[in-house]
Amino acid sequence: MRSPARKGSRMMTQAEPVRTAVSTQRCRICSGAVRDLTVPMLSPLVICRVCRHVSWLDQPTPDELREYYTGVYTDGHAQRQLQEQNRSYYRTHLQELRTRVAFEKPALLDFGSSWPTLLEEAQASGHFSRCIGVEWDAESRRYGREIGLVMVSADELDTVLDRSVHIARFSHVLEHTIDPCRTLAEVVAKMAPGGIVYITQPSFPALRLDCKLERLQDAVYPEHLHYFTPGSVARMLARCGLALEEFAAHGRESDLAREYNGQIATAFVERKWRHLKELSPRHFNPLGLFPTFLGDNSHCYARVR
């Protein structure tokens, strides 16, 4: 359930009515009030007044989404080849994850593991007590089991013991789910206190409620259902019993500064999200930090309380 960054759109047909500026829906992350966000050539989107999270007004059903990921996604996105290309990066990334926890041989869970190259590298390192992949694609699960990994579908997560996981990884996956908070909470229930959650996904700044966008990056339906801001990430983590430790955005910072020129609610961020300033790792481009948070992707660590 992992996607490379790519562009696309969900087209609006002429039969769809023009919507008013206010929606009766609530934000799926923080339950705040939302209003419509108009982007040319895209079906209706809504933006939260509280956490500035953006999502499609209409979402697929769980059955529709399951059918898409079990029958279309993996082959169409050449996931095996993409994962194999990342082996070298995964070795370094796994070392970084281990430094974040005090457990000598932590158990690692990769949610939306896709073809389990990362878990294969984790297992080969000998530094992890257990390597668990959660993935819809049956062929990926079959291969993982053949090489000794624990591979389950999202429907089988209850087979993982509570408090048995020390590191959980969500790489470009939560934005693919209908209910990200529920998905994250189900994994956190499997984690030991002091464990770490790593999240990376497409990142979005806090937009003005009256912003005028020419396009919305990563608007690919039904793959990307949610567009997280630093504020909506923080709200989601708090709801799931996690303490945010680090957040930054990165990638094409200067390009996005030009693209979002005048559209970011900087005063709102400085007033409402001051706590995020202290959680900005200094080795990132300043544009990717408080208060602009500009970048293609997010970098986030949170701790299980």
Foldseek 3Di string as FASTA:
>chain_A
DAADFDFDADFDDPPDDDDDQFDPAADLQQRAGWGWDDAPGHAIKIAGPALRKIFHPDADDPVVLLCCFQPPPLVVRVQVVVLVVCLVVLLVVVVVQVVQFPDQAFEEEEEQCRQVSSLVSSVVVVRHPAYEYEHSHPVSQVVCVVVPHHYYHLVPLVVQAFQRGQEYEYEAALQLDPRSLVSVLSVLRRHHAFGKYKYKHFEDANWDSPAHANDDGRNDPPRGGIHGYPRSVCSSQVSSQKAWQAKWAAACLVVVCVRCPPTHPQVCCVVPVVVQQVRYDPVGDPSRGPPNNGHGMMTTMIGHD
